[in-house]
Amino acid sequence: MKTLAEAGTISNDVPVSCNVIDPDANATEMSLVENAVREQMHPADEFEAFLALTESGMPLADIAARFGVTEAVV
């Protein structure tokens, strides 16, 4: 944003939306949610994210419910 403002592409006071996330939130889960909302993730990336969540101790049923998929997909 700073570079765009310096280049004159945007004004210095352009509003920028941001989301404040609880510092105790699971970073992997938040990243997965953010990416899934924008565009469907590549299956390999989704696999790695689901794997990280299961390795952190999150139950398969919880992961499936949070991301609208079946436990078989997880």
C-alpha atoms as a PDB file:
ATOM      1  CA  MET A   1       0.000   0.000   0.000  1.00  0.00           C
ATOM      2  CA  LYS A   2       2.845   2.357   0.844  1.00  0.00           C
ATOM      3  CA  THR A   3       4.471   1.725  -2.531  1.00  0.00           C
ATOM      4  CA  LEU A   4       1.193   2.377  -4.364  1.00  0.00           C
ATOM      5  CA  ALA A   5       0.695   5.627  -2.452  1.00  0.00           C
ATOM      6  CA  GLU A   6       4.255   6.745  -3.158  1.00  0.00           C
ATOM      7  CA  ALA A   7       3.735   5.978  -6.862  1.00  0.00           C
ATOM      8  CA  GLY A   8       0.534   8.039  -6.878  1.00  0.00           C
ATOM      9  CA  THR A   9      -1.580   5.027  -7.805  1.00  0.00           C
ATOM     10  CA  ILE A  10      -3.694   5.493  -4.683  1.00  0.00           C
ATOM     11  CA  SER A  11      -4.115   8.386  -2.275  1.00  0.00           C
ATOM     12  CA  ASN A  12      -2.424   8.376   1.122  1.00  0.00           C
ATOM     13  CA  ASP A  13      -5.780   8.214   2.882  1.00  0.00           C
ATOM     14  CA  VAL A  14      -7.482   5.446   0.890  1.00  0.00           C
ATOM     15  CA  PRO A  15      -9.597   3.304   3.236  1.00  0.00           C
ATOM     16  CA  VAL A  16      -8.346  -0.241   3.666  1.00  0.00           C
ATOM     17  CA  SER A  17     -10.521  -2.891   5.226  1.00  0.00           C
ATOM     18  CA  CYS A  18      -8.900  -5.342   7.566  1.00  0.00           C
ATOM     19  CA  ASN A  19      -9.979  -8.095   9.902  1.00  0.00           C
ATOM     20  CA  VAL A  20      -8.656  -8.331  13.421  1.00  0.00           C
ATOM     21  CA  ILE A  21      -8.290 -11.978  14.374  1.00  0.00           C
ATOM     22  CA  ASP A  22      -8.120 -13.326  17.891  1.00  0.00           C
ATOM     23  CA  PRO A  23      -4.439 -13.933  18.726  1.00  0.00           C
ATOM     24  CA  ASP A  24      -5.418 -17.364  20.088  1.00  0.00           C
ATOM     25  CA  ALA A  25      -6.949 -18.400  16.744  1.00  0.00           C
ATOM     26  CA  ASN A  26      -5.366 -21.291  14.861  1.00  0.00           C
ATOM     27  CA  ALA A  27      -3.306 -19.658  12.077  1.00  0.00           C
ATOM     28  CA  THR A  28      -3.638 -22.689   9.783  1.00  0.00           C
ATOM     29  CA  GLU A  29      -7.407 -22.692  10.160  1.00  0.00           C
ATOM     30  CA  MET A  30      -7.674 -18.949   9.541  1.00  0.00           C
ATOM     31  CA  SER A  31      -5.503 -19.197   6.436  1.00  0.00           C
ATOM     32  CA  LEU A  32      -7.570 -22.087   5.102  1.00  0.00           C
ATOM     33  CA  VAL A  33     -10.811 -20.179   5.664  1.00  0.00           C
ATOM     34  CA  GLU A  34      -9.478 -17.032   4.020  1.00  0.00           C
ATOM     35  CA  ASN A  35      -8.188 -18.867   0.966  1.00  0.00           C
ATOM     36  CA  ALA A  36     -11.273 -21.049   0.567  1.00  0.00           C
ATOM     37  CA  VAL A  37     -13.539 -17.989   0.525  1.00  0.00           C
ATOM     38  CA  ARG A  38     -11.591 -16.296  -2.265  1.00  0.00           C
ATOM     39  CA  GLU A  39     -11.078 -19.180  -4.630  1.00  0.00           C
ATOM     40  CA  GLN A  40     -11.212 -22.946  -4.333  1.00  0.00           C
ATOM     41  CA  MET A  41      -7.898 -24.188  -3.026  1.00  0.00           C
ATOM     42  CA  HIS A  42      -5.846 -26.709  -4.926  1.00  0.00           C
ATOM     43  CA  PRO A  43      -6.545 -30.161  -3.438  1.00  0.00           C
ATOM     44  CA  ALA A  44      -2.888 -30.590  -2.445  1.00  0.00           C
ATOM     45  CA  ASP A  45      -2.939 -27.320  -0.490  1.00  0.00           C
ATOM     46  CA  GLU A  46      -6.229 -28.245   1.137  1.00  0.00           C
ATOM     47  CA  PHE A  47      -4.771 -31.644   2.072  1.00  0.00           C
ATOM     48  CA  GLU A  48      -1.755 -30.021   3.743  1.00  0.00           C
ATOM     49  CA  ALA A  49      -3.971 -27.606   5.692  1.00  0.00           C
ATOM     50  CA  PHE A  50      -6.312 -30.382   6.850  1.00  0.00           C
ATOM     51  CA  LEU A  51      -3.283 -32.475   7.813  1.00  0.00           C
ATOM     52  CA  ALA A  52      -1.854 -29.638   9.896  1.00  0.00           C
ATOM     53  CA  LEU A  53      -5.187 -29.206  11.680  1.00  0.00           C
ATOM     54  CA  THR A  54      -5.466 -32.931  12.441  1.00  0.00           C
ATOM     55  CA  GLU A  55      -1.864 -33.019  13.654  1.00  0.00           C
ATOM     56  CA  SER A  56      -2.654 -30.127  15.985  1.00  0.00           C
ATOM     57  CA  GLY A  57      -5.341 -32.318  17.557  1.00  0.00           C
ATOM     58  CA  MET A  58      -8.499 -31.010  15.911  1.00  0.00           C
ATOM     59  CA  PRO A  59     -11.015 -33.852  15.406  1.00  0.00           C
ATOM     60  CA  LEU A  60     -11.921 -34.788  11.824  1.00  0.00           C
ATOM     61  CA  ALA A  61     -15.596 -34.108  12.473  1.00  0.00           C
ATOM     62  CA  ASP A  62     -14.808 -30.558  13.606  1.00  0.00           C
ATOM     63  CA  ILE A  63     -12.665 -29.841  10.556  1.00  0.00           C
ATOM     64  CA  ALA A  64     -15.320 -31.227   8.223  1.00  0.00           C
ATOM     65  CA  ALA A  65     -18.068 -29.183   9.879  1.00  0.00           C
ATOM     66  CA  ARG A  66     -16.084 -25.939   9.807  1.00  0.00           C
ATOM     67  CA  PHE A  67     -15.258 -26.220   6.128  1.00  0.00           C
ATOM     68  CA  GLY A  68     -18.456 -27.780   4.811  1.00  0.00           C
ATOM     69  CA  VAL A  69     -16.932 -31.044   3.662  1.00  0.00           C
ATOM     70  CA  THR A  70     -17.348 -34.654   4.741  1.00  0.00           C
ATOM     71  CA  GLU A  71     -14.987 -36.426   7.094  1.00  0.00           C
ATOM     72  CA  ALA A  72     -13.967 -38.602   4.133  1.00  0.00           C
ATOM     73  CA  VAL A  73     -12.717 -35.455   2.353  1.00  0.00           C
ATOM     74  CA  VAL A  74     -10.734 -34.460   5.448  1.00  0.00           C
END
